[in-house]
PDB file of N, CA and C in Angstrom:
ATOM      1  N   UNK A   1     207.969 -19.559  -8.180  1.00  0.00           N
ATOM      2  CA  UNK A   1     209.201 -19.473  -8.770  1.00  0.00           C
ATOM      3  C   UNK A   1     209.249 -18.725  -9.957  1.00  0.00           C
ATOM      4  N   UNK A   2     210.310 -18.057 -10.130  1.00  0.00           N
ATOM      5  CA  UNK A   2     210.517 -17.317 -11.386  1.00  0.00           C
ATOM      6  C   UNK A   2     211.715 -17.835 -12.270  1.00  0.00           C
ATOM      7  N   UNK A   3     211.426 -18.408 -13.072  1.00  0.00           N
ATOM      8  CA  UNK A   3     212.454 -19.094 -14.161  1.00  0.00           C
ATOM      9  C   UNK A   3     212.407 -18.422 -15.384  1.00  0.00           C
ATOM     10  N   UNK A   4     211.442 -17.598 -15.828  1.00  0.00           N
ATOM     11  CA  UNK A   4     211.550 -17.098 -17.166  1.00  0.00           C
ATOM     12  C   UNK A   4     213.069 -16.156 -17.283  1.00  0.00           C
ATOM     13  N   UNK A   5     213.647 -15.480 -16.318  1.00  0.00           N
ATOM     14  CA  UNK A   5     214.967 -14.847 -16.491  1.00  0.00           C
ATOM     15  C   UNK A   5     216.072 -16.000 -15.992  1.00  0.00           C
ATOM     16  N   UNK A   6     215.615 -17.178 -16.159  1.00  0.00           N
ATOM     17  CA  UNK A   6     217.143 -18.259 -15.673  1.00  0.00           C
ATOM     18  C   UNK A   6     217.966 -18.233 -16.928  1.00  0.00           C
ATOM     19  N   UNK A   7     218.978 -18.496 -16.528  1.00  0.00           N
ATOM     20  CA  UNK A   7     220.432 -18.434 -17.506  1.00  0.00           C
ATOM     21  C   UNK A   7     219.786 -19.605 -18.531  1.00  0.00           C
ATOM     22  N   UNK A   8     220.664 -19.301 -19.690  1.00  0.00           N
ATOM     23  CA  UNK A   8     220.159 -20.318 -20.720  1.00  0.00           C
ATOM     24  C   UNK A   8     220.805 -21.592 -20.453  1.00  0.00           C
ATOM     25  N   UNK A   9     221.460 -21.949 -19.537  1.00  0.00           N
ATOM     26  CA  UNK A   9     221.925 -23.417 -19.048  1.00  0.00           C
ATOM     27  C   UNK A   9     220.993 -23.986 -18.522  1.00  0.00           C
ATOM     28  N   UNK A  10     219.898 -23.363 -17.990  1.00  0.00           N
ATOM     29  CA  UNK A  10     218.676 -23.983 -17.439  1.00  0.00           C
ATOM     30  C   UNK A  10     217.849 -24.636 -18.229  1.00  0.00           C
ATOM     31  N   UNK A  11     218.235 -24.403 -19.488  1.00  0.00           N
ATOM     32  CA  UNK A  11     217.266 -25.214 -20.591  1.00  0.00           C
ATOM     33  C   UNK A  11     217.988 -26.046 -21.466  1.00  0.00           C
ATOM     34  N   UNK A  12     219.462 -26.019 -21.210  1.00  0.00           N
ATOM     35  CA  UNK A  12     220.206 -26.875 -22.136  1.00  0.00           C
ATOM     36  C   UNK A  12     220.980 -28.034 -21.147  1.00  0.00           C
ATOM     37  N   UNK A  13     220.933 -27.855 -19.669  1.00  0.00           N
ATOM     38  CA  UNK A  13     221.954 -28.655 -19.045  1.00  0.00           C
ATOM     39  C   UNK A  13     220.980 -29.967 -18.343  1.00  0.00           C
ATOM     40  N   UNK A  14     219.833 -29.816 -18.432  1.00  0.00           N
ATOM     41  CA  UNK A  14     219.027 -30.448 -17.771  1.00  0.00           C
ATOM     42  C   UNK A  14     218.233 -31.328 -18.655  1.00  0.00           C
ATOM     43  N   UNK A  15     217.447 -32.619 -18.059  1.00  0.00           N
ATOM     44  CA  UNK A  15     216.494 -33.136 -18.921  1.00  0.00           C
ATOM     45  C   UNK A  15     215.482 -32.360 -19.284  1.00  0.00           C
ATOM     46  N   UNK A  16     214.852 -32.484 -20.320  1.00  0.00           N
ATOM     47  CA  UNK A  16     213.572 -31.611 -20.931  1.00  0.00           C
ATOM     48  C   UNK A  16     212.758 -31.399 -19.983  1.00  0.00           C
ATOM     49  N   UNK A  17     212.243 -30.317 -19.542  1.00  0.00           N
ATOM     50  CA  UNK A  17     211.035 -29.975 -18.723  1.00  0.00           C
ATOM     51  C   UNK A  17     211.592 -30.004 -17.276  1.00  0.00           C
ATOM     52  N   UNK A  18     212.955 -30.497 -17.118  1.00  0.00           N
ATOM     53  CA  UNK A  18     213.313 -30.739 -15.583  1.00  0.00           C
ATOM     54  C   UNK A  18     213.118 -29.279 -14.686  1.00  0.00           C
ATOM     55  N   UNK A  19     213.378 -28.358 -15.244  1.00  0.00           N
ATOM     56  CA  UNK A  19     213.443 -27.113 -14.429  1.00  0.00           C
ATOM     57  C   UNK A  19     211.896 -26.640 -14.117  1.00  0.00           C
ATOM     58  N   UNK A  20     210.936 -27.082 -14.792  1.00  0.00           N
ATOM     59  CA  UNK A  20     209.431 -26.879 -14.543  1.00  0.00           C
ATOM     60  C   UNK A  20     209.075 -27.824 -13.385  1.00  0.00           C
ATOM     61  N   UNK A  21     209.412 -28.942 -13.435  1.00  0.00           N
ATOM     62  CA  UNK A  21     209.341 -29.972 -12.586  1.00  0.00           C
ATOM     63  C   UNK A  21     209.699 -29.622 -11.199  1.00  0.00           C
ATOM     64  N   UNK A  22     211.303 -29.120 -11.206  1.00  0.00           N
ATOM     65  CA  UNK A  22     212.001 -28.680 -10.262  1.00  0.00           C
ATOM     66  C   UNK A  22     211.130 -27.790  -9.279  1.00  0.00           C
ATOM     67  N   UNK A  23     210.936 -26.435  -9.913  1.00  0.00           N
ATOM     68  CA  UNK A  23     210.115 -25.430  -9.311  1.00  0.00           C
ATOM     69  C   UNK A  23     208.793 -25.718  -8.859  1.00  0.00           C
ATOM     70  N   UNK A  24     208.096 -26.620  -9.703  1.00  0.00           N
ATOM     71  CA  UNK A  24     206.810 -27.012  -9.232  1.00  0.00           C
ATOM     72  C   UNK A  24     206.958 -27.666  -7.931  1.00  0.00           C
ATOM     73  N   UNK A  25     207.904 -28.659  -7.875  1.00  0.00           N
ATOM     74  CA  UNK A  25     208.137 -29.340  -6.630  1.00  0.00           C
ATOM     75  C   UNK A  25     208.181 -28.531  -5.345  1.00  0.00           C
ATOM     76  N   UNK A  26     208.882 -27.431  -5.540  1.00  0.00           N
ATOM     77  CA  UNK A  26     209.033 -26.387  -4.364  1.00  0.00           C
ATOM     78  C   UNK A  26     207.647 -26.052  -3.694  1.00  0.00           C
ATOM     79  N   UNK A  27     206.782 -25.790  -4.597  1.00  0.00           N
ATOM     80  CA  UNK A  27     205.240 -25.544  -4.147  1.00  0.00           C
ATOM     81  C   UNK A  27     204.717 -26.762  -3.619  1.00  0.00           C
ATOM     82  N   UNK A  28     204.700 -27.814  -4.347  1.00  0.00           N
ATOM     83  CA  UNK A  28     204.164 -29.196  -3.898  1.00  0.00           C
ATOM     84  C   UNK A  28     204.480 -29.645  -2.728  1.00  0.00           C
ATOM     85  N   UNK A  29     205.904 -29.448  -2.286  1.00  0.00           N
ATOM     86  CA  UNK A  29     206.638 -29.933  -1.075  1.00  0.00           C
ATOM     87  C   UNK A  29     206.058 -29.100  -0.012  1.00  0.00           C
ATOM     88  N   UNK A  30     205.921 -27.840   0.143  1.00  0.00           N
ATOM     89  CA  UNK A  30     205.357 -26.855   0.820  1.00  0.00           C
ATOM     90  C   UNK A  30     204.022 -27.122   1.119  1.00  0.00           C
ATOM     91  N   UNK A  31     203.084 -27.458   0.210  1.00  0.00           N
ATOM     92  CA  UNK A  31     201.867 -27.937   0.300  1.00  0.00           C
ATOM     93  C   UNK A  31     201.598 -28.937   1.192  1.00  0.00           C
ATOM     94  N   UNK A  32     202.340 -30.131   0.838  1.00  0.00           N
ATOM     95  CA  UNK A  32     202.260 -31.557   1.580  1.00  0.00           C
ATOM     96  C   UNK A  32     202.800 -31.415   3.168  1.00  0.00           C
ATOM     97  N   UNK A  33     203.979 -30.204   3.149  1.00  0.00           N
ATOM     98  CA  UNK A  33     204.314 -30.111   4.395  1.00  0.00           C
ATOM     99  C   UNK A  33     203.537 -29.407   5.540  1.00  0.00           C
ATOM    100  N   UNK A  34     202.868 -28.524   5.022  1.00  0.00           N
ATOM    101  CA  UNK A  34     201.678 -27.932   5.530  1.00  0.00           C
ATOM    102  C   UNK A  34     200.742 -28.924   6.307  1.00  0.00           C
ATOM    103  N   UNK A  35     200.673 -30.112   5.542  1.00  0.00           N
ATOM    104  CA  UNK A  35     199.366 -31.045   5.865  1.00  0.00           C
ATOM    105  C   UNK A  35     200.301 -32.162   6.685  1.00  0.00           C
ATOM    106  N   UNK A  36     201.302 -32.186   7.135  1.00  0.00           N
ATOM    107  CA  UNK A  36     201.863 -32.956   8.070  1.00  0.00           C
ATOM    108  C   UNK A  36     202.759 -33.974   7.565  1.00  0.00           C
ATOM    109  N   UNK A  37     203.207 -33.998   6.276  1.00  0.00           N
ATOM    110  CA  UNK A  37     204.090 -34.776   5.536  1.00  0.00           C
ATOM    111  C   UNK A  37     205.558 -34.222   5.786  1.00  0.00           C
ATOM    112  N   UNK A  38     206.446 -34.916   6.141  1.00  0.00           N
ATOM    113  CA  UNK A  38     207.774 -34.526   6.542  1.00  0.00           C
ATOM    114  C   UNK A  38     208.536 -34.547   5.264  1.00  0.00           C
ATOM    115  N   UNK A  39     209.055 -33.400   4.961  1.00  0.00           N
ATOM    116  CA  UNK A  39     209.861 -33.355   3.480  1.00  0.00           C
ATOM    117  C   UNK A  39     211.523 -33.726   4.193  1.00  0.00           C
ATOM    118  N   UNK A  40     212.322 -34.279   3.084  1.00  0.00           N
ATOM    119  CA  UNK A  40     213.592 -34.472   3.289  1.00  0.00           C
ATOM    120  C   UNK A  40     214.292 -33.046   3.147  1.00  0.00           C
ATOM    121  N   UNK A  41     215.336 -32.979   3.994  1.00  0.00           N
ATOM    122  CA  UNK A  41     216.290 -31.827   3.973  1.00  0.00           C
ATOM    123  C   UNK A  41     216.159 -31.116   2.630  1.00  0.00           C
ATOM    124  N   UNK A  42     216.043 -30.083   2.196  1.00  0.00           N
ATOM    125  CA  UNK A  42     216.159 -29.172   1.255  1.00  0.00           C
ATOM    126  C   UNK A  42     215.335 -29.484   0.137  1.00  0.00           C
ATOM    127  N   UNK A  43     214.103 -30.391   0.407  1.00  0.00           N
ATOM    128  CA  UNK A  43     213.212 -30.767  -0.433  1.00  0.00           C
ATOM    129  C   UNK A  43     213.615 -30.878  -1.774  1.00  0.00           C
ATOM    130  N   UNK A  44     213.080 -30.024  -2.898  1.00  0.00           N
ATOM    131  CA  UNK A  44     213.447 -30.268  -4.255  1.00  0.00           C
ATOM    132  C   UNK A  44     214.718 -30.079  -4.599  1.00  0.00           C
ATOM    133  N   UNK A  45     215.744 -29.453  -3.675  1.00  0.00           N
ATOM    134  CA  UNK A  45     216.921 -28.953  -3.715  1.00  0.00           C
ATOM    135  C   UNK A  45     218.091 -30.239  -3.183  1.00  0.00           C
ATOM    136  N   UNK A  46     217.421 -31.343  -2.589  1.00  0.00           N
ATOM    137  CA  UNK A  46     218.224 -32.076  -1.878  1.00  0.00           C
ATOM    138  C   UNK A  46     218.796 -33.471  -2.623  1.00  0.00           C
ATOM    139  N   UNK A  47     218.819 -33.560  -3.611  1.00  0.00           N
ATOM    140  CA  UNK A  47     219.310 -34.755  -4.400  1.00  0.00           C
ATOM    141  C   UNK A  47     220.750 -35.122  -3.939  1.00  0.00           C
ATOM    142  N   UNK A  48     221.566 -33.991  -4.238  1.00  0.00           N
ATOM    143  CA  UNK A  48     223.028 -34.481  -4.067  1.00  0.00           C
ATOM    144  C   UNK A  48     223.312 -34.703  -2.463  1.00  0.00           C
ATOM    145  N   UNK A  49     222.724 -34.020  -1.687  1.00  0.00           N
ATOM    146  CA  UNK A  49     222.709 -34.200  -0.185  1.00  0.00           C
ATOM    147  C   UNK A  49     222.297 -35.371   0.011  1.00  0.00           C
ATOM    148  N   UNK A  50     221.285 -36.100  -0.537  1.00  0.00           N
ATOM    149  CA  UNK A  50     220.954 -37.432  -0.216  1.00  0.00           C
ATOM    150  C   UNK A  50     221.347 -38.622  -0.876  1.00  0.00           C
ATOM    151  N   UNK A  51     222.543 -38.082  -1.484  1.00  0.00           N
ATOM    152  CA  UNK A  51     223.381 -39.171  -2.205  1.00  0.00           C
ATOM    153  C   UNK A  51     222.970 -39.470  -3.882  1.00  0.00           C
ATOM    154  N   UNK A  52     222.006 -38.655  -4.328  1.00  0.00           N
ATOM    155  CA  UNK A  52     221.659 -39.103  -5.635  1.00  0.00           C
ATOM    156  C   UNK A  52     222.694 -38.458  -6.650  1.00  0.00           C
ATOM    157  N   UNK A  53     223.035 -38.772  -7.711  1.00  0.00           N
ATOM    158  CA  UNK A  53     223.855 -38.253  -8.696  1.00  0.00           C
ATOM    159  C   UNK A  53     222.869 -37.846  -9.855  1.00  0.00           C
ATOM    160  N   UNK A  54     223.424 -36.486 -10.601  1.00  0.00           N
ATOM    161  CA  UNK A  54     222.567 -36.157 -11.802  1.00  0.00           C
ATOM    162  C   UNK A  54     223.013 -37.134 -12.774  1.00  0.00           C
ATOM    163  N   UNK A  55     222.034 -37.362 -13.647  1.00  0.00           N
ATOM    164  CA  UNK A  55     222.166 -38.205 -14.797  1.00  0.00           C
ATOM    165  C   UNK A  55     222.487 -37.292 -16.110  1.00  0.00           C
ATOM    166  N   UNK A  56     223.434 -37.586 -16.760  1.00  0.00           N
ATOM    167  CA  UNK A  56     223.629 -36.519 -18.018  1.00  0.00           C
ATOM    168  C   UNK A  56     222.269 -36.605 -19.007  1.00  0.00           C
ATOM    169  N   UNK A  57     221.752 -37.537 -18.899  1.00  0.00           N
ATOM    170  CA  UNK A  57     220.430 -37.699 -19.638  1.00  0.00           C
ATOM    171  C   UNK A  57     219.049 -37.601 -18.921  1.00  0.00           C
ATOM    172  N   UNK A  58     218.968 -38.022 -17.795  1.00  0.00           N
ATOM    173  CA  UNK A  58     217.638 -37.837 -16.919  1.00  0.00           C
ATOM    174  C   UNK A  58     217.938 -36.770 -15.933  1.00  0.00           C
ATOM    175  N   UNK A  59     219.020 -36.118 -15.678  1.00  0.00           N
ATOM    176  CA  UNK A  59     219.051 -34.980 -14.808  1.00  0.00           C
ATOM    177  C   UNK A  59     218.800 -35.599 -13.352  1.00  0.00           C
ATOM    178  N   UNK A  60     217.978 -34.998 -12.512  1.00  0.00           N
ATOM    179  CA  UNK A  60     217.879 -35.420 -11.062  1.00  0.00           C
ATOM    180  C   UNK A  60     216.406 -35.961 -11.105  1.00  0.00           C
ATOM    181  N   UNK A  61     216.013 -36.556 -12.002  1.00  0.00           N
ATOM    182  CA  UNK A  61     214.557 -37.033 -12.093  1.00  0.00           C
ATOM    183  C   UNK A  61     214.475 -38.385 -11.143  1.00  0.00           C
ATOM    184  N   UNK A  62     215.451 -39.211 -11.164  1.00  0.00           N
ATOM    185  CA  UNK A  62     215.549 -40.382  -9.906  1.00  0.00           C
ATOM    186  C   UNK A  62     215.081 -39.717  -8.635  1.00  0.00           C
ATOM    187  N   UNK A  63     215.647 -38.502  -8.305  1.00  0.00           N
ATOM    188  CA  UNK A  63     215.665 -38.290  -6.815  1.00  0.00           C
ATOM    189  C   UNK A  63     213.899 -37.564  -6.742  1.00  0.00           C
ATOM    190  N   UNK A  64     213.725 -36.814  -7.956  1.00  0.00           N
ATOM    191  CA  UNK A  64     212.259 -36.385  -8.006  1.00  0.00           C
ATOM    192  C   UNK A  64     211.246 -37.311  -7.746  1.00  0.00           C
ATOM    193  N   UNK A  65     211.500 -38.492  -8.498  1.00  0.00           N
ATOM    194  CA  UNK A  65     210.739 -39.819  -8.300  1.00  0.00           C
ATOM    195  C   UNK A  65     210.430 -40.164  -6.899  1.00  0.00           C
ATOM    196  N   UNK A  66     211.863 -40.397  -6.231  1.00  0.00           N
ATOM    197  CA  UNK A  66     211.704 -40.910  -4.823  1.00  0.00           C
ATOM    198  C   UNK A  66     210.780 -39.668  -3.894  1.00  0.00           C
ATOM    199  N   UNK A  67     211.312 -38.251  -4.292  1.00  0.00           N
ATOM    200  CA  UNK A  67     210.710 -37.357  -3.569  1.00  0.00           C
ATOM    201  C   UNK A  67     209.006 -37.439  -3.585  1.00  0.00           C
ATOM    202  N   UNK A  68     208.621 -37.718  -4.761  1.00  0.00           N
ATOM    203  CA  UNK A  68     207.345 -37.852  -5.084  1.00  0.00           C
ATOM    204  C   UNK A  68     206.354 -38.922  -4.675  1.00  0.00           C
ATOM    205  N   UNK A  69     207.226 -39.890  -3.965  1.00  0.00           N
ATOM    206  CA  UNK A  69     206.751 -41.261  -3.596  1.00  0.00           C
ATOM    207  C   UNK A  69     207.151 -41.520  -2.072  1.00  0.00           C
ATOM    208  N   UNK A  70     207.637 -40.487  -1.511  1.00  0.00           N
ATOM    209  CA  UNK A  70     207.993 -40.755  -0.232  1.00  0.00           C
ATOM    210  C   UNK A  70     209.206 -41.645   0.218  1.00  0.00           C
ATOM    211  N   UNK A  71     210.158 -41.751  -0.735  1.00  0.00           N
ATOM    212  CA  UNK A  71     211.124 -42.633  -0.658  1.00  0.00           C
ATOM    213  C   UNK A  71     212.653 -42.270  -0.673  1.00  0.00           C
ATOM    214  N   UNK A  72     212.729 -40.858  -0.053  1.00  0.00           N
ATOM    215  CA  UNK A  72     214.124 -40.276   0.099  1.00  0.00           C
ATOM    216  C   UNK A  72     214.516 -40.828   1.439  1.00  0.00           C
ATOM    217  N   UNK A  73     215.634 -41.385   1.613  1.00  0.00           N
ATOM    218  CA  UNK A  73     216.246 -42.097   2.648  1.00  0.00           C
ATOM    219  C   UNK A  73     217.042 -40.989   3.425  1.00  0.00           C
ATOM    220  N   UNK A  74     216.787 -40.625   4.544  1.00  0.00           N
ATOM    221  CA  UNK A  74     217.488 -39.652   5.380  1.00  0.00           C
ATOM    222  C   UNK A  74     217.378 -40.266   6.859  1.00  0.00           C
ATOM    223  N   UNK A  75     218.657 -40.574   7.487  1.00  0.00           N
ATOM    224  CA  UNK A  75     218.824 -40.755   8.838  1.00  0.00           C
ATOM    225  C   UNK A  75     218.182 -42.113   9.026  1.00  0.00           C
ATOM    226  N   UNK A  76     217.955 -43.107   8.214  1.00  0.00           N
ATOM    227  CA  UNK A  76     217.551 -44.377   8.241  1.00  0.00           C
ATOM    228  C   UNK A  76     215.920 -44.305   7.958  1.00  0.00           C
ATOM    229  N   UNK A  77     215.206 -43.137   7.828  1.00  0.00           N
ATOM    230  CA  UNK A  77     213.798 -43.255   7.555  1.00  0.00           C
ATOM    231  C   UNK A  77     213.710 -42.694   6.085  1.00  0.00           C
ATOM    232  N   UNK A  78     212.351 -42.904   5.658  1.00  0.00           N
ATOM    233  CA  UNK A  78     211.904 -42.412   4.184  1.00  0.00           C
ATOM    234  C   UNK A  78     211.031 -41.206   4.545  1.00  0.00           C
ATOM    235  N   UNK A  79     211.419 -40.028   3.410  1.00  0.00           N
ATOM    236  CA  UNK A  79     210.767 -38.850   3.617  1.00  0.00           C
ATOM    237  C   UNK A  79     210.209 -38.505   2.170  1.00  0.00           C
ATOM    238  N   UNK A  80     209.386 -37.457   2.213  1.00  0.00           N
ATOM    239  CA  UNK A  80     208.783 -36.982   0.863  1.00  0.00           C
ATOM    240  C   UNK A  80     207.337 -37.153   0.924  1.00  0.00           C
ATOM    241  N   UNK A  81     206.706 -37.378  -0.194  1.00  0.00           N
ATOM    242  CA  UNK A  81     205.255 -37.334  -0.344  1.00  0.00           C
ATOM    243  C   UNK A  81     205.064 -38.559  -0.710  1.00  0.00           C
ATOM    244  N   UNK A  82     204.259 -39.344   0.366  1.00  0.00           N
ATOM    245  CA  UNK A  82     203.697 -40.710   0.115  1.00  0.00           C
ATOM    246  C   UNK A  82     202.817 -40.909  -0.842  1.00  0.00           C
ATOM    247  N   UNK A  83     202.739 -42.168  -1.421  1.00  0.00           N
ATOM    248  CA  UNK A  83     201.904 -42.088  -2.583  1.00  0.00           C
ATOM    249  C   UNK A  83     200.346 -41.907  -2.354  1.00  0.00           C
ATOM    250  N   UNK A  84     200.128 -42.330  -0.944  1.00  0.00           N
ATOM    251  CA  UNK A  84     198.517 -42.070  -0.644  1.00  0.00           C
ATOM    252  C   UNK A  84     198.113 -40.531  -0.607  1.00  0.00           C
ATOM    253  N   UNK A  85     199.137 -39.799  -0.272  1.00  0.00           N
ATOM    254  CA  UNK A  85     198.924 -38.225  -0.059  1.00  0.00           C
ATOM    255  C   UNK A  85     198.161 -37.952  -1.239  1.00  0.00           C
ATOM    256  N   UNK A  86     198.875 -38.272  -2.561  1.00  0.00           N
ATOM    257  CA  UNK A  86     198.166 -37.655  -3.864  1.00  0.00           C
ATOM    258  C   UNK A  86     196.679 -37.791  -4.006  1.00  0.00           C
ATOM    259  N   UNK A  87     196.025 -39.066  -3.219  1.00  0.00           N
ATOM    260  CA  UNK A  87     194.692 -39.319  -3.485  1.00  0.00           C
ATOM    261  C   UNK A  87     194.004 -38.579  -2.329  1.00  0.00           C
ATOM    262  N   UNK A  88     194.577 -38.349  -1.437  1.00  0.00           N
ATOM    263  CA  UNK A  88     193.913 -37.645   0.035  1.00  0.00           C
ATOM    264  C   UNK A  88     193.194 -36.262  -0.250  1.00  0.00           C
ATOM    265  N   UNK A  89     191.941 -36.411   0.371  1.00  0.00           N
ATOM    266  CA  UNK A  89     191.448 -34.701   0.304  1.00  0.00           C
ATOM    267  C   UNK A  89     192.151 -33.947   1.275  1.00  0.00           C
ATOM    268  N   UNK A  90     192.342 -32.769   1.025  1.00  0.00           N
ATOM    269  CA  UNK A  90     191.819 -31.872  -0.130  1.00  0.00           C
ATOM    270  C   UNK A  90     192.370 -31.740  -1.442  1.00  0.00           C
ATOM    271  N   UNK A  91     193.649 -32.420  -1.520  1.00  0.00           N
ATOM    272  CA  UNK A  91     194.498 -32.512  -2.720  1.00  0.00           C
ATOM    273  C   UNK A  91     193.610 -32.990  -3.935  1.00  0.00           C
ATOM    274  N   UNK A  92     193.049 -33.962  -3.721  1.00  0.00           N
ATOM    275  CA  UNK A  92     192.414 -34.837  -4.830  1.00  0.00           C
ATOM    276  C   UNK A  92     191.282 -34.013  -5.282  1.00  0.00           C
ATOM    277  N   UNK A  93     190.682 -33.110  -4.366  1.00  0.00           N
ATOM    278  CA  UNK A  93     189.531 -32.359  -4.826  1.00  0.00           C
ATOM    279  C   UNK A  93     189.733 -31.526  -6.029  1.00  0.00           C
ATOM    280  N   UNK A  94     191.135 -31.323  -6.174  1.00  0.00           N
ATOM    281  CA  UNK A  94     191.375 -30.286  -7.389  1.00  0.00           C
ATOM    282  C   UNK A  94     191.161 -30.765  -8.702  1.00  0.00           C
ATOM    283  N   UNK A  95     191.172 -32.271  -8.540  1.00  0.00           N
ATOM    284  CA  UNK A  95     191.278 -33.031  -9.988  1.00  0.00           C
ATOM    285  C   UNK A  95     189.572 -33.829 -10.231  1.00  0.00           C
ATOM    286  N   UNK A  96     188.830 -33.504  -9.167  1.00  0.00           N
ATOM    287  CA  UNK A  96     187.588 -33.883  -9.602  1.00  0.00           C
ATOM    288  C   UNK A  96     186.525 -33.172 -10.468  1.00  0.00           C
TER     289      UNK A  96
END
């Protein structure tokens, strides 16, 4: 993701560091989707679609939390990155 040329609003209208988390999540969602974990529609961009409301102080971090723990509800099922995926090989091998 290229955010160096993002509009200045990207730095002032969101929670501190959120733009970096958001772009990182695009790559992380792709990584886990390639390993068989089903992502919610629009992955990191899907907060509003899934009924989340942007907080004036925390931005979309409630949605990102649920996305990173496999708790985004869609059609009666939970999608995203399940907690155990973070410790499964080969992902965890990067941190050893």
